[in-house]
């Protein structure tokens, strides 16, 4: 396992380079010029990096000066090489929007996004696995049909629509105020609160965003769990275990469940980037100060350094999730031998 983990870690390097190169080219070649926005803002005295520009110069001169200041007048390959060299020391540059260090802005918001996504992953698996077991062990029953229909409905409902309806109906809109409409803490929050009061307040604020971020995941994974269990239940060794007189509960939990979990472990690699992408919607709608909200604001402002930094951090998180899912396979199924051939 150690040699396999080392191989995967080394493979992450060229993969990361390829991902960042594609993202860098997309950002640079996309329509719109941040130099025009920032130079115009500087000449108008609107704040931002362009405020140091001389108001007597023309817009074209201001744009050229701004490009030179931030290296946008250099060839693309040179810009990418400079950027890549800087991120080795976590130097993502300064934001075009407010001149603040990009890494400082990300470090402030990254724990919030990680917390939101880790909780969502736990909810997805804690709900999907029992639902899949229930549906597979009661195939074609009324309960199986209800859970199947409900799962497909949840899987089809767009997150942005569900979040908007939640704000209107249960977040103090026109009907009920069961959950707060946004943020991570109450208006009257005080640092001196007891631990359990802080925990209760944050749980109240995170409950709805976590549910909205994860309902599509556990709806889909519960169907995968059901299909995987039905396949394993048809194996010969399961019939032999039943013929030996083992209780059905023992057969399911000891012989069927472990092999049924293998597809769900591999799906962790695709679930993590989906949740990170979904957190952009949830964080923006519920005003949660995480990476998703920062990314949305940065894209709108054409803030290249911040967007590329967020893109890179998301790539690292996704590649780490893929590595973790691969390593977990050996825990779920010891027959898997990484890095060597079976005799």
C-alpha atoms as a PDB file:
ATOM      1  CA  UNK A   1       0.000   0.000   0.000  1.00  0.00           C
ATOM      2  CA  UNK A   2       2.835   2.413   0.824  1.00  0.00           C
ATOM      3  CA  UNK A   3       4.349   2.050  -2.647  1.00  0.00           C
ATOM      4  CA  UNK A   4       0.952   2.538  -4.282  1.00  0.00           C
ATOM      5  CA  UNK A   5       0.273   5.652  -2.208  1.00  0.00           C
ATOM      6  CA  UNK A   6       3.658   7.047  -3.247  1.00  0.00           C
ATOM      7  CA  UNK A   7       2.906   6.332  -6.919  1.00  0.00           C
ATOM      8  CA  UNK A   8      -0.439   8.103  -6.674  1.00  0.00           C
ATOM      9  CA  UNK A   9       1.117  11.076  -4.922  1.00  0.00           C
ATOM     10  CA  UNK A  10       3.675  11.377  -7.714  1.00  0.00           C
ATOM     11  CA  UNK A  11       0.911  11.053 -10.311  1.00  0.00           C
ATOM     12  CA  UNK A  12      -0.929  13.951  -8.676  1.00  0.00           C
ATOM     13  CA  UNK A  13       1.854  16.337  -9.734  1.00  0.00           C
ATOM     14  CA  UNK A  14       1.420  16.096 -13.554  1.00  0.00           C
ATOM     15  CA  UNK A  15      -2.346  15.862 -13.112  1.00  0.00           C
ATOM     16  CA  UNK A  16      -2.349  19.063 -11.085  1.00  0.00           C
ATOM     17  CA  UNK A  17      -0.169  20.793 -13.683  1.00  0.00           C
ATOM     18  CA  UNK A  18      -2.556  19.796 -16.451  1.00  0.00           C
ATOM     19  CA  UNK A  19      -5.611  20.962 -14.500  1.00  0.00           C
ATOM     20  CA  UNK A  20      -4.101  24.323 -13.618  1.00  0.00           C
ATOM     21  CA  UNK A  21      -2.832  24.883 -17.170  1.00  0.00           C
ATOM     22  CA  UNK A  22      -6.312  24.336 -18.607  1.00  0.00           C
ATOM     23  CA  UNK A  23      -7.872  26.612 -16.007  1.00  0.00           C
ATOM     24  CA  UNK A  24      -5.227  29.276 -16.572  1.00  0.00           C
ATOM     25  CA  UNK A  25      -5.809  29.299 -20.331  1.00  0.00           C
ATOM     26  CA  UNK A  26      -9.584  29.427 -19.919  1.00  0.00           C
ATOM     27  CA  UNK A  27      -9.345  32.420 -17.595  1.00  0.00           C
ATOM     28  CA  UNK A  28      -6.907  34.295 -19.817  1.00  0.00           C
ATOM     29  CA  UNK A  29      -8.665  33.572 -23.114  1.00  0.00           C
ATOM     30  CA  UNK A  30     -12.212  34.171 -21.865  1.00  0.00           C
ATOM     31  CA  UNK A  31     -14.024  37.290 -23.133  1.00  0.00           C
ATOM     32  CA  UNK A  32     -13.650  40.390 -20.993  1.00  0.00           C
ATOM     33  CA  UNK A  33     -10.613  42.347 -19.895  1.00  0.00           C
ATOM     34  CA  UNK A  34     -10.075  43.027 -16.174  1.00  0.00           C
ATOM     35  CA  UNK A  35      -7.573  45.731 -17.099  1.00  0.00           C
ATOM     36  CA  UNK A  36     -10.356  47.774 -18.667  1.00  0.00           C
ATOM     37  CA  UNK A  37     -12.542  47.458 -15.566  1.00  0.00           C
ATOM     38  CA  UNK A  38      -9.777  48.216 -13.105  1.00  0.00           C
ATOM     39  CA  UNK A  39      -8.295  51.067 -15.108  1.00  0.00           C
ATOM     40  CA  UNK A  40     -11.714  52.666 -15.495  1.00  0.00           C
ATOM     41  CA  UNK A  41     -12.334  52.224 -11.778  1.00  0.00           C
ATOM     42  CA  UNK A  42      -8.994  53.814 -10.960  1.00  0.00           C
ATOM     43  CA  UNK A  43      -9.623  56.804 -13.180  1.00  0.00           C
ATOM     44  CA  UNK A  44     -13.072  57.248 -11.673  1.00  0.00           C
ATOM     45  CA  UNK A  45     -11.735  56.962  -8.139  1.00  0.00           C
ATOM     46  CA  UNK A  46     -13.888  53.896  -7.454  1.00  0.00           C
ATOM     47  CA  UNK A  47     -11.243  52.100  -5.442  1.00  0.00           C
ATOM     48  CA  UNK A  48      -9.340  48.924  -6.076  1.00  0.00           C
ATOM     49  CA  UNK A  49      -5.876  48.459  -7.559  1.00  0.00           C
ATOM     50  CA  UNK A  50      -6.414  51.169 -10.124  1.00  0.00           C
ATOM     51  CA  UNK A  51      -6.668  54.027  -7.633  1.00  0.00           C
ATOM     52  CA  UNK A  52      -2.952  54.781  -7.941  1.00  0.00           C
ATOM     53  CA  UNK A  53      -3.297  55.660 -11.600  1.00  0.00           C
ATOM     54  CA  UNK A  54      -2.926  59.255 -12.663  1.00  0.00           C
ATOM     55  CA  UNK A  55      -6.354  60.642 -13.554  1.00  0.00           C
ATOM     56  CA  UNK A  56      -4.780  62.774 -16.301  1.00  0.00           C
ATOM     57  CA  UNK A  57      -3.938  59.750 -18.449  1.00  0.00           C
ATOM     58  CA  UNK A  58      -6.331  58.258 -20.971  1.00  0.00           C
ATOM     59  CA  UNK A  59      -8.152  54.965 -20.477  1.00  0.00           C
ATOM     60  CA  UNK A  60      -5.852  53.223 -22.986  1.00  0.00           C
ATOM     61  CA  UNK A  61      -2.759  54.437 -21.168  1.00  0.00           C
ATOM     62  CA  UNK A  62      -4.256  53.431 -17.835  1.00  0.00           C
ATOM     63  CA  UNK A  63      -5.012  49.939 -19.167  1.00  0.00           C
ATOM     64  CA  UNK A  64      -1.456  49.552 -20.456  1.00  0.00           C
ATOM     65  CA  UNK A  65      -0.055  50.735 -17.136  1.00  0.00           C
ATOM     66  CA  UNK A  66      -2.291  48.344 -15.237  1.00  0.00           C
ATOM     67  CA  UNK A  67      -1.291  45.394 -17.458  1.00  0.00           C
ATOM     68  CA  UNK A  68       2.388  46.132 -16.903  1.00  0.00           C
ATOM     69  CA  UNK A  69       1.833  46.399 -13.166  1.00  0.00           C
ATOM     70  CA  UNK A  70       0.277  42.924 -12.963  1.00  0.00           C
ATOM     71  CA  UNK A  71       2.243  41.224 -15.735  1.00  0.00           C
ATOM     72  CA  UNK A  72      -0.694  40.777 -18.099  1.00  0.00           C
ATOM     73  CA  UNK A  73       1.341  42.201 -20.980  1.00  0.00           C
ATOM     74  CA  UNK A  74       3.676  39.191 -20.990  1.00  0.00           C
ATOM     75  CA  UNK A  75       3.189  36.015 -23.088  1.00  0.00           C
ATOM     76  CA  UNK A  76       0.795  33.444 -21.642  1.00  0.00           C
ATOM     77  CA  UNK A  77       3.474  30.813 -21.087  1.00  0.00           C
ATOM     78  CA  UNK A  78       5.562  33.315 -19.138  1.00  0.00           C
ATOM     79  CA  UNK A  79       2.575  34.365 -17.028  1.00  0.00           C
ATOM     80  CA  UNK A  80       1.824  30.719 -16.235  1.00  0.00           C
ATOM     81  CA  UNK A  81       5.454  29.957 -15.345  1.00  0.00           C
ATOM     82  CA  UNK A  82       5.600  32.925 -12.967  1.00  0.00           C
ATOM     83  CA  UNK A  83       2.290  31.968 -11.367  1.00  0.00           C
ATOM     84  CA  UNK A  84       3.375  28.332 -10.978  1.00  0.00           C
ATOM     85  CA  UNK A  85       6.665  29.342  -9.401  1.00  0.00           C
ATOM     86  CA  UNK A  86       4.880  31.570  -6.896  1.00  0.00           C
ATOM     87  CA  UNK A  87       2.287  29.047  -5.705  1.00  0.00           C
ATOM     88  CA  UNK A  88       5.031  26.694  -4.506  1.00  0.00           C
ATOM     89  CA  UNK A  89       5.331  29.066  -1.546  1.00  0.00           C
ATOM     90  CA  UNK A  90       1.533  29.622  -1.441  1.00  0.00           C
ATOM     91  CA  UNK A  91       2.012  33.050  -2.979  1.00  0.00           C
ATOM     92  CA  UNK A  92      -1.106  33.455  -5.108  1.00  0.00           C
ATOM     93  CA  UNK A  93      -0.543  37.169  -5.530  1.00  0.00           C
ATOM     94  CA  UNK A  94      -2.896  39.986  -4.646  1.00  0.00           C
ATOM     95  CA  UNK A  95      -6.549  40.250  -5.503  1.00  0.00           C
ATOM     96  CA  UNK A  96      -7.405  42.522  -8.422  1.00  0.00           C
ATOM     97  CA  UNK A  97     -10.546  43.501  -6.547  1.00  0.00           C
ATOM     98  CA  UNK A  98      -9.219  44.810  -3.226  1.00  0.00           C
ATOM     99  CA  UNK A  99      -5.424  44.377  -3.323  1.00  0.00           C
ATOM    100  CA  UNK A 100      -5.554  41.897  -0.425  1.00  0.00           C
ATOM    101  CA  UNK A 101      -3.311  38.777  -0.384  1.00  0.00           C
ATOM    102  CA  UNK A 102      -5.254  35.982  -2.057  1.00  0.00           C
ATOM    103  CA  UNK A 103      -4.014  33.215   0.241  1.00  0.00           C
ATOM    104  CA  UNK A 104      -5.170  35.180   3.292  1.00  0.00           C
ATOM    105  CA  UNK A 105      -8.686  35.426   1.864  1.00  0.00           C
ATOM    106  CA  UNK A 106      -8.754  31.706   1.065  1.00  0.00           C
ATOM    107  CA  UNK A 107      -7.304  30.650   4.422  1.00  0.00           C
ATOM    108  CA  UNK A 108     -10.115  32.546   6.114  1.00  0.00           C
ATOM    109  CA  UNK A 109     -12.854  30.810   4.104  1.00  0.00           C
ATOM    110  CA  UNK A 110     -11.396  27.355   3.433  1.00  0.00           C
ATOM    111  CA  UNK A 111     -12.290  25.856   6.865  1.00  0.00           C
ATOM    112  CA  UNK A 112     -15.927  26.861   6.370  1.00  0.00           C
ATOM    113  CA  UNK A 113     -16.175  25.112   3.000  1.00  0.00           C
ATOM    114  CA  UNK A 114     -14.364  22.025   4.302  1.00  0.00           C
ATOM    115  CA  UNK A 115     -16.720  21.860   7.280  1.00  0.00           C
ATOM    116  CA  UNK A 116     -19.761  22.168   5.031  1.00  0.00           C
ATOM    117  CA  UNK A 117     -18.551  19.483   2.620  1.00  0.00           C
ATOM    118  CA  UNK A 118     -17.373  17.025   5.287  1.00  0.00           C
ATOM    119  CA  UNK A 119     -20.754  17.237   7.016  1.00  0.00           C
ATOM    120  CA  UNK A 120     -22.490  16.744   3.658  1.00  0.00           C
ATOM    121  CA  UNK A 121     -20.403  13.651   2.861  1.00  0.00           C
ATOM    122  CA  UNK A 122     -21.244  12.158   6.265  1.00  0.00           C
ATOM    123  CA  UNK A 123     -24.951  12.833   5.724  1.00  0.00           C
ATOM    124  CA  UNK A 124     -24.835  11.345   2.222  1.00  0.00           C
ATOM    125  CA  UNK A 125     -23.325   8.048   3.351  1.00  0.00           C
ATOM    126  CA  UNK A 126     -25.207   7.795   6.655  1.00  0.00           C
ATOM    127  CA  UNK A 127     -28.507   8.139   4.792  1.00  0.00           C
ATOM    128  CA  UNK A 128     -27.683   6.343   1.520  1.00  0.00           C
ATOM    129  CA  UNK A 129     -26.327   3.113   3.037  1.00  0.00           C
ATOM    130  CA  UNK A 130     -29.330   2.324   5.311  1.00  0.00           C
ATOM    131  CA  UNK A 131     -31.771   3.273   2.534  1.00  0.00           C
ATOM    132  CA  UNK A 132     -29.957   1.032   0.064  1.00  0.00           C
ATOM    133  CA  UNK A 133     -29.938  -1.881   2.522  1.00  0.00           C
ATOM    134  CA  UNK A 134     -33.634  -1.408   3.244  1.00  0.00           C
ATOM    135  CA  UNK A 135     -34.602  -1.307  -0.442  1.00  0.00           C
ATOM    136  CA  UNK A 136     -32.433  -4.289  -1.412  1.00  0.00           C
ATOM    137  CA  UNK A 137     -33.618  -6.550   1.416  1.00  0.00           C
ATOM    138  CA  UNK A 138     -37.265  -5.665   0.695  1.00  0.00           C
ATOM    139  CA  UNK A 139     -37.146  -5.703  -3.068  1.00  0.00           C
ATOM    140  CA  UNK A 140     -40.420  -4.858  -4.852  1.00  0.00           C
ATOM    141  CA  UNK A 141     -42.170  -4.117  -1.557  1.00  0.00           C
ATOM    142  CA  UNK A 142     -44.209  -0.962  -0.999  1.00  0.00           C
ATOM    143  CA  UNK A 143     -41.363   0.547   1.028  1.00  0.00           C
ATOM    144  CA  UNK A 144     -38.892  -0.159  -1.777  1.00  0.00           C
ATOM    145  CA  UNK A 145     -41.158   1.472  -4.336  1.00  0.00           C
ATOM    146  CA  UNK A 146     -41.677   4.550  -2.164  1.00  0.00           C
ATOM    147  CA  UNK A 147     -37.956   5.027  -1.509  1.00  0.00           C
ATOM    148  CA  UNK A 148     -37.187   4.525  -5.211  1.00  0.00           C
ATOM    149  CA  UNK A 149     -39.705   7.147  -6.339  1.00  0.00           C
ATOM    150  CA  UNK A 150     -38.597   9.560  -3.605  1.00  0.00           C
ATOM    151  CA  UNK A 151     -34.938   9.086  -4.550  1.00  0.00           C
ATOM    152  CA  UNK A 152     -35.573   9.843  -8.220  1.00  0.00           C
ATOM    153  CA  UNK A 153     -37.607  12.941  -7.317  1.00  0.00           C
ATOM    154  CA  UNK A 154     -34.871  14.251  -5.019  1.00  0.00           C
ATOM    155  CA  UNK A 155     -32.212  13.473  -7.601  1.00  0.00           C
ATOM    156  CA  UNK A 156     -34.121  15.484 -10.226  1.00  0.00           C
ATOM    157  CA  UNK A 157     -34.803  18.581  -8.101  1.00  0.00           C
ATOM    158  CA  UNK A 158     -32.248  21.349  -8.847  1.00  0.00           C
ATOM    159  CA  UNK A 159     -30.386  22.581  -5.791  1.00  0.00           C
ATOM    160  CA  UNK A 160     -30.848  26.243  -6.690  1.00  0.00           C
ATOM    161  CA  UNK A 161     -34.640  25.801  -6.898  1.00  0.00           C
ATOM    162  CA  UNK A 162     -34.822  23.851  -3.632  1.00  0.00           C
ATOM    163  CA  UNK A 163     -32.702  26.452  -1.840  1.00  0.00           C
ATOM    164  CA  UNK A 164     -34.847  29.297  -3.166  1.00  0.00           C
ATOM    165  CA  UNK A 165     -38.054  27.565  -2.080  1.00  0.00           C
ATOM    166  CA  UNK A 166     -36.552  26.933   1.349  1.00  0.00           C
ATOM    167  CA  UNK A 167     -35.785  30.641   1.739  1.00  0.00           C
ATOM    168  CA  UNK A 168     -39.350  31.554   0.795  1.00  0.00           C
ATOM    169  CA  UNK A 169     -41.241  28.961   2.844  1.00  0.00           C
ATOM    170  CA  UNK A 170     -39.194  28.033   5.935  1.00  0.00           C
ATOM    171  CA  UNK A 171     -36.537  30.733   6.333  1.00  0.00           C
ATOM    172  CA  UNK A 172     -38.615  33.726   7.323  1.00  0.00           C
ATOM    173  CA  UNK A 173     -39.838  34.618   3.858  1.00  0.00           C
ATOM    174  CA  UNK A 174     -43.619  34.733   3.475  1.00  0.00           C
ATOM    175  CA  UNK A 175     -44.484  31.726   5.644  1.00  0.00           C
ATOM    176  CA  UNK A 176     -42.411  30.141   8.442  1.00  0.00           C
ATOM    177  CA  UNK A 177     -39.189  30.989  10.247  1.00  0.00           C
ATOM    178  CA  UNK A 178     -37.870  27.532  11.091  1.00  0.00           C
ATOM    179  CA  UNK A 179     -34.301  28.174   9.950  1.00  0.00           C
ATOM    180  CA  UNK A 180     -32.164  31.312   9.546  1.00  0.00           C
ATOM    181  CA  UNK A 181     -32.026  32.795   6.029  1.00  0.00           C
ATOM    182  CA  UNK A 182     -28.230  32.867   5.949  1.00  0.00           C
ATOM    183  CA  UNK A 183     -24.916  33.234   7.685  1.00  0.00           C
ATOM    184  CA  UNK A 184     -23.186  30.999  10.208  1.00  0.00           C
ATOM    185  CA  UNK A 185     -24.247  32.655  13.453  1.00  0.00           C
ATOM    186  CA  UNK A 186     -27.087  34.664  14.929  1.00  0.00           C
ATOM    187  CA  UNK A 187     -27.135  38.451  14.982  1.00  0.00           C
ATOM    188  CA  UNK A 188     -26.787  38.474  18.775  1.00  0.00           C
ATOM    189  CA  UNK A 189     -23.892  35.973  18.765  1.00  0.00           C
ATOM    190  CA  UNK A 190     -21.230  36.640  21.394  1.00  0.00           C
ATOM    191  CA  UNK A 191     -17.783  34.987  21.694  1.00  0.00           C
ATOM    192  CA  UNK A 192     -18.387  34.533  25.411  1.00  0.00           C
ATOM    193  CA  UNK A 193     -21.271  32.117  24.921  1.00  0.00           C
ATOM    194  CA  UNK A 194     -20.932  28.622  26.473  1.00  0.00           C
ATOM    195  CA  UNK A 195     -19.713  25.887  24.125  1.00  0.00           C
ATOM    196  CA  UNK A 196     -23.075  24.130  23.787  1.00  0.00           C
ATOM    197  CA  UNK A 197     -24.872  27.376  22.998  1.00  0.00           C
ATOM    198  CA  UNK A 198     -22.340  28.109  20.241  1.00  0.00           C
ATOM    199  CA  UNK A 199     -22.700  24.543  18.949  1.00  0.00           C
ATOM    200  CA  UNK A 200     -26.499  24.766  18.914  1.00  0.00           C
ATOM    201  CA  UNK A 201     -26.448  28.125  17.132  1.00  0.00           C
ATOM    202  CA  UNK A 202     -24.055  26.962  14.411  1.00  0.00           C
ATOM    203  CA  UNK A 203     -25.895  23.648  13.987  1.00  0.00           C
ATOM    204  CA  UNK A 204     -29.129  25.595  13.481  1.00  0.00           C
ATOM    205  CA  UNK A 205     -27.481  27.676  10.761  1.00  0.00           C
ATOM    206  CA  UNK A 206     -25.739  24.732   9.043  1.00  0.00           C
ATOM    207  CA  UNK A 207     -28.595  22.208   9.119  1.00  0.00           C
ATOM    208  CA  UNK A 208     -30.499  23.448   6.070  1.00  0.00           C
ATOM    209  CA  UNK A 209     -27.426  24.170   3.871  1.00  0.00           C
ATOM    210  CA  UNK A 210     -26.030  20.698   4.621  1.00  0.00           C
ATOM    211  CA  UNK A 211     -29.350  19.021   3.794  1.00  0.00           C
ATOM    212  CA  UNK A 212     -29.721  20.983   0.556  1.00  0.00           C
ATOM    213  CA  UNK A 213     -26.145  20.223  -0.441  1.00  0.00           C
ATOM    214  CA  UNK A 214     -26.441  16.487   0.246  1.00  0.00           C
ATOM    215  CA  UNK A 215     -29.973  15.402  -0.713  1.00  0.00           C
ATOM    216  CA  UNK A 216     -29.048  14.751  -4.334  1.00  0.00           C
ATOM    217  CA  UNK A 217     -26.019  12.745  -3.256  1.00  0.00           C
ATOM    218  CA  UNK A 218     -27.778  10.375  -0.889  1.00  0.00           C
ATOM    219  CA  UNK A 219     -30.663   9.969  -3.344  1.00  0.00           C
ATOM    220  CA  UNK A 220     -28.264   8.791  -6.048  1.00  0.00           C
ATOM    221  CA  UNK A 221     -25.976   6.738  -3.804  1.00  0.00           C
ATOM    222  CA  UNK A 222     -28.900   4.919  -2.199  1.00  0.00           C
ATOM    223  CA  UNK A 223     -29.802   3.573  -5.658  1.00  0.00           C
ATOM    224  CA  UNK A 224     -26.202   2.475  -6.231  1.00  0.00           C
ATOM    225  CA  UNK A 225     -26.200   0.790  -2.833  1.00  0.00           C
ATOM    226  CA  UNK A 226     -29.435  -1.029  -3.642  1.00  0.00           C
ATOM    227  CA  UNK A 227     -28.145  -2.261  -7.008  1.00  0.00           C
ATOM    228  CA  UNK A 228     -24.838  -3.357  -5.498  1.00  0.00           C
ATOM    229  CA  UNK A 229     -26.543  -5.281  -2.684  1.00  0.00           C
ATOM    230  CA  UNK A 230     -28.930  -7.013  -5.072  1.00  0.00           C
ATOM    231  CA  UNK A 231     -25.962  -8.148  -7.150  1.00  0.00           C
ATOM    232  CA  UNK A 232     -24.119  -9.481  -4.099  1.00  0.00           C
ATOM    233  CA  UNK A 233     -27.255 -11.169  -2.736  1.00  0.00           C
ATOM    234  CA  UNK A 234     -27.341 -13.300  -5.879  1.00  0.00           C
ATOM    235  CA  UNK A 235     -23.821 -14.661  -5.352  1.00  0.00           C
ATOM    236  CA  UNK A 236     -23.304 -18.338  -4.538  1.00  0.00           C
ATOM    237  CA  UNK A 237     -21.472 -17.741  -1.265  1.00  0.00           C
ATOM    238  CA  UNK A 238     -24.514 -15.878   0.082  1.00  0.00           C
ATOM    239  CA  UNK A 239     -26.733 -18.857  -0.693  1.00  0.00           C
ATOM    240  CA  UNK A 240     -24.214 -21.144   1.018  1.00  0.00           C
ATOM    241  CA  UNK A 241     -24.241 -18.933   4.115  1.00  0.00           C
ATOM    242  CA  UNK A 242     -28.021 -19.124   4.234  1.00  0.00           C
ATOM    243  CA  UNK A 243     -27.938 -22.897   3.722  1.00  0.00           C
ATOM    244  CA  UNK A 244     -25.687 -23.191   6.783  1.00  0.00           C
ATOM    245  CA  UNK A 245     -28.499 -21.753   8.864  1.00  0.00           C
ATOM    246  CA  UNK A 246     -27.051 -18.313   9.528  1.00  0.00           C
ATOM    247  CA  UNK A 247     -29.492 -15.634  10.535  1.00  0.00           C
ATOM    248  CA  UNK A 248     -30.482 -13.280   7.711  1.00  0.00           C
ATOM    249  CA  UNK A 249     -29.150 -10.352   9.709  1.00  0.00           C
ATOM    250  CA  UNK A 250     -25.747 -12.039  10.016  1.00  0.00           C
ATOM    251  CA  UNK A 251     -25.706 -12.847   6.294  1.00  0.00           C
ATOM    252  CA  UNK A 252     -26.493  -9.243   5.366  1.00  0.00           C
ATOM    253  CA  UNK A 253     -24.199  -7.465   7.802  1.00  0.00           C
ATOM    254  CA  UNK A 254     -21.232  -9.850   7.709  1.00  0.00           C
ATOM    255  CA  UNK A 255     -21.166 -11.308   4.202  1.00  0.00           C
ATOM    256  CA  UNK A 256     -23.131  -8.934   1.940  1.00  0.00           C
ATOM    257  CA  UNK A 257     -22.590  -5.416   3.247  1.00  0.00           C
ATOM    258  CA  UNK A 258     -18.813  -5.286   2.969  1.00  0.00           C
ATOM    259  CA  UNK A 259     -18.700  -6.261  -0.706  1.00  0.00           C
ATOM    260  CA  UNK A 260     -21.649  -3.995  -1.454  1.00  0.00           C
ATOM    261  CA  UNK A 261     -19.750  -0.973  -0.161  1.00  0.00           C
ATOM    262  CA  UNK A 262     -16.988  -1.215  -2.783  1.00  0.00           C
ATOM    263  CA  UNK A 263     -18.842   0.811  -5.487  1.00  0.00           C
ATOM    264  CA  UNK A 264     -19.782   3.462  -2.918  1.00  0.00           C
ATOM    265  CA  UNK A 265     -16.166   3.859  -1.835  1.00  0.00           C
ATOM    266  CA  UNK A 266     -15.076   4.423  -5.429  1.00  0.00           C
ATOM    267  CA  UNK A 267     -17.847   7.010  -5.872  1.00  0.00           C
ATOM    268  CA  UNK A 268     -16.284   9.181  -3.172  1.00  0.00           C
ATOM    269  CA  UNK A 269     -13.890  10.389  -5.868  1.00  0.00           C
ATOM    270  CA  UNK A 270     -16.761  11.818  -7.930  1.00  0.00           C
ATOM    271  CA  UNK A 271     -18.889  12.930  -4.982  1.00  0.00           C
ATOM    272  CA  UNK A 272     -16.326  15.354  -3.560  1.00  0.00           C
ATOM    273  CA  UNK A 273     -15.965  17.596  -6.662  1.00  0.00           C
ATOM    274  CA  UNK A 274     -19.746  17.565  -7.080  1.00  0.00           C
ATOM    275  CA  UNK A 275     -20.189  18.815  -3.520  1.00  0.00           C
ATOM    276  CA  UNK A 276     -17.518  21.482  -3.970  1.00  0.00           C
ATOM    277  CA  UNK A 277     -19.311  22.703  -7.085  1.00  0.00           C
ATOM    278  CA  UNK A 278     -22.669  22.615  -5.322  1.00  0.00           C
ATOM    279  CA  UNK A 279     -21.318  24.594  -2.399  1.00  0.00           C
ATOM    280  CA  UNK A 280     -20.962  27.599  -4.723  1.00  0.00           C
ATOM    281  CA  UNK A 281     -24.753  27.731  -5.049  1.00  0.00           C
ATOM    282  CA  UNK A 282     -25.500  27.045  -1.394  1.00  0.00           C
ATOM    283  CA  UNK A 283     -22.917  29.466  -0.026  1.00  0.00           C
ATOM    284  CA  UNK A 284     -24.066  32.221  -2.372  1.00  0.00           C
ATOM    285  CA  UNK A 285     -27.779  31.804  -1.632  1.00  0.00           C
ATOM    286  CA  UNK A 286     -27.344  31.483   2.147  1.00  0.00           C
ATOM    287  CA  UNK A 287     -24.584  34.123   2.406  1.00  0.00           C
ATOM    288  CA  UNK A 288     -22.107  31.644   3.873  1.00  0.00           C
ATOM    289  CA  UNK A 289     -18.590  33.141   3.711  1.00  0.00           C
ATOM    290  CA  UNK A 290     -16.895  30.118   2.170  1.00  0.00           C
ATOM    291  CA  UNK A 291     -14.823  29.394  -0.916  1.00  0.00           C
ATOM    292  CA  UNK A 292     -17.906  29.007  -3.083  1.00  0.00           C
ATOM    293  CA  UNK A 293     -19.188  32.490  -2.371  1.00  0.00           C
ATOM    294  CA  UNK A 294     -15.697  33.928  -2.818  1.00  0.00           C
ATOM    295  CA  UNK A 295     -15.359  32.134  -6.156  1.00  0.00           C
ATOM    296  CA  UNK A 296     -18.676  33.468  -7.424  1.00  0.00           C
ATOM    297  CA  UNK A 297     -17.748  37.035  -6.488  1.00  0.00           C
ATOM    298  CA  UNK A 298     -14.265  36.664  -7.983  1.00  0.00           C
ATOM    299  CA  UNK A 299     -15.546  35.347 -11.323  1.00  0.00           C
ATOM    300  CA  UNK A 300     -17.949  38.266 -11.613  1.00  0.00           C
ATOM    301  CA  UNK A 301     -15.126  40.717 -10.866  1.00  0.00           C
ATOM    302  CA  UNK A 302     -12.692  38.992 -13.276  1.00  0.00           C
ATOM    303  CA  UNK A 303     -10.311  38.599 -10.338  1.00  0.00           C
ATOM    304  CA  UNK A 304      -7.766  36.268 -12.001  1.00  0.00           C
ATOM    305  CA  UNK A 305      -5.494  35.614  -8.988  1.00  0.00           C
ATOM    306  CA  UNK A 306      -8.363  34.696  -6.667  1.00  0.00           C
ATOM    307  CA  UNK A 307     -10.149  32.519  -9.230  1.00  0.00           C
ATOM    308  CA  UNK A 308      -6.966  30.614 -10.068  1.00  0.00           C
ATOM    309  CA  UNK A 309      -6.159  30.141  -6.387  1.00  0.00           C
ATOM    310  CA  UNK A 310      -9.634  28.763  -5.678  1.00  0.00           C
ATOM    311  CA  UNK A 311      -9.417  26.572  -8.769  1.00  0.00           C
ATOM    312  CA  UNK A 312      -6.079  25.183  -7.589  1.00  0.00           C
ATOM    313  CA  UNK A 313      -7.273  24.511  -4.037  1.00  0.00           C
ATOM    314  CA  UNK A 314     -10.378  22.749  -5.392  1.00  0.00           C
ATOM    315  CA  UNK A 315      -8.158  20.635  -7.648  1.00  0.00           C
ATOM    316  CA  UNK A 316      -5.991  19.615  -4.683  1.00  0.00           C
ATOM    317  CA  UNK A 317      -9.070  18.695  -2.636  1.00  0.00           C
ATOM    318  CA  UNK A 318     -10.488  16.649  -5.521  1.00  0.00           C
ATOM    319  CA  UNK A 319      -7.227  14.799  -6.172  1.00  0.00           C
ATOM    320  CA  UNK A 320      -6.902  14.123  -2.447  1.00  0.00           C
ATOM    321  CA  UNK A 321     -10.422  12.692  -2.423  1.00  0.00           C
ATOM    322  CA  UNK A 322      -9.552  10.367  -5.310  1.00  0.00           C
ATOM    323  CA  UNK A 323      -6.439   9.174  -3.477  1.00  0.00           C
ATOM    324  CA  UNK A 324      -8.382   8.586  -0.256  1.00  0.00           C
ATOM    325  CA  UNK A 325     -11.086   6.611  -2.083  1.00  0.00           C
ATOM    326  CA  UNK A 326      -8.457   4.403  -3.727  1.00  0.00           C
ATOM    327  CA  UNK A 327      -6.758   3.708  -0.406  1.00  0.00           C
ATOM    328  CA  UNK A 328     -10.083   2.954   1.281  1.00  0.00           C
ATOM    329  CA  UNK A 329     -10.693   0.220  -1.289  1.00  0.00           C
ATOM    330  CA  UNK A 330      -7.946  -1.859   0.271  1.00  0.00           C
ATOM    331  CA  UNK A 331      -9.642  -1.491   3.649  1.00  0.00           C
ATOM    332  CA  UNK A 332     -13.060  -2.527   2.366  1.00  0.00           C
ATOM    333  CA  UNK A 333     -11.668  -5.342   0.192  1.00  0.00           C
ATOM    334  CA  UNK A 334      -8.337  -6.796   1.430  1.00  0.00           C
ATOM    335  CA  UNK A 335      -8.101  -8.884  -1.752  1.00  0.00           C
ATOM    336  CA  UNK A 336      -7.066  -5.747  -3.639  1.00  0.00           C
ATOM    337  CA  UNK A 337      -3.271  -5.654  -3.944  1.00  0.00           C
ATOM    338  CA  UNK A 338      -1.971  -2.255  -5.012  1.00  0.00           C
ATOM    339  CA  UNK A 339       1.339  -1.999  -6.758  1.00  0.00           C
ATOM    340  CA  UNK A 340       1.944  -5.721  -7.188  1.00  0.00           C
ATOM    341  CA  UNK A 341       0.535  -8.651  -9.150  1.00  0.00           C
ATOM    342  CA  UNK A 342      -1.312 -11.493  -7.573  1.00  0.00           C
ATOM    343  CA  UNK A 343       0.415 -14.864  -7.937  1.00  0.00           C
END
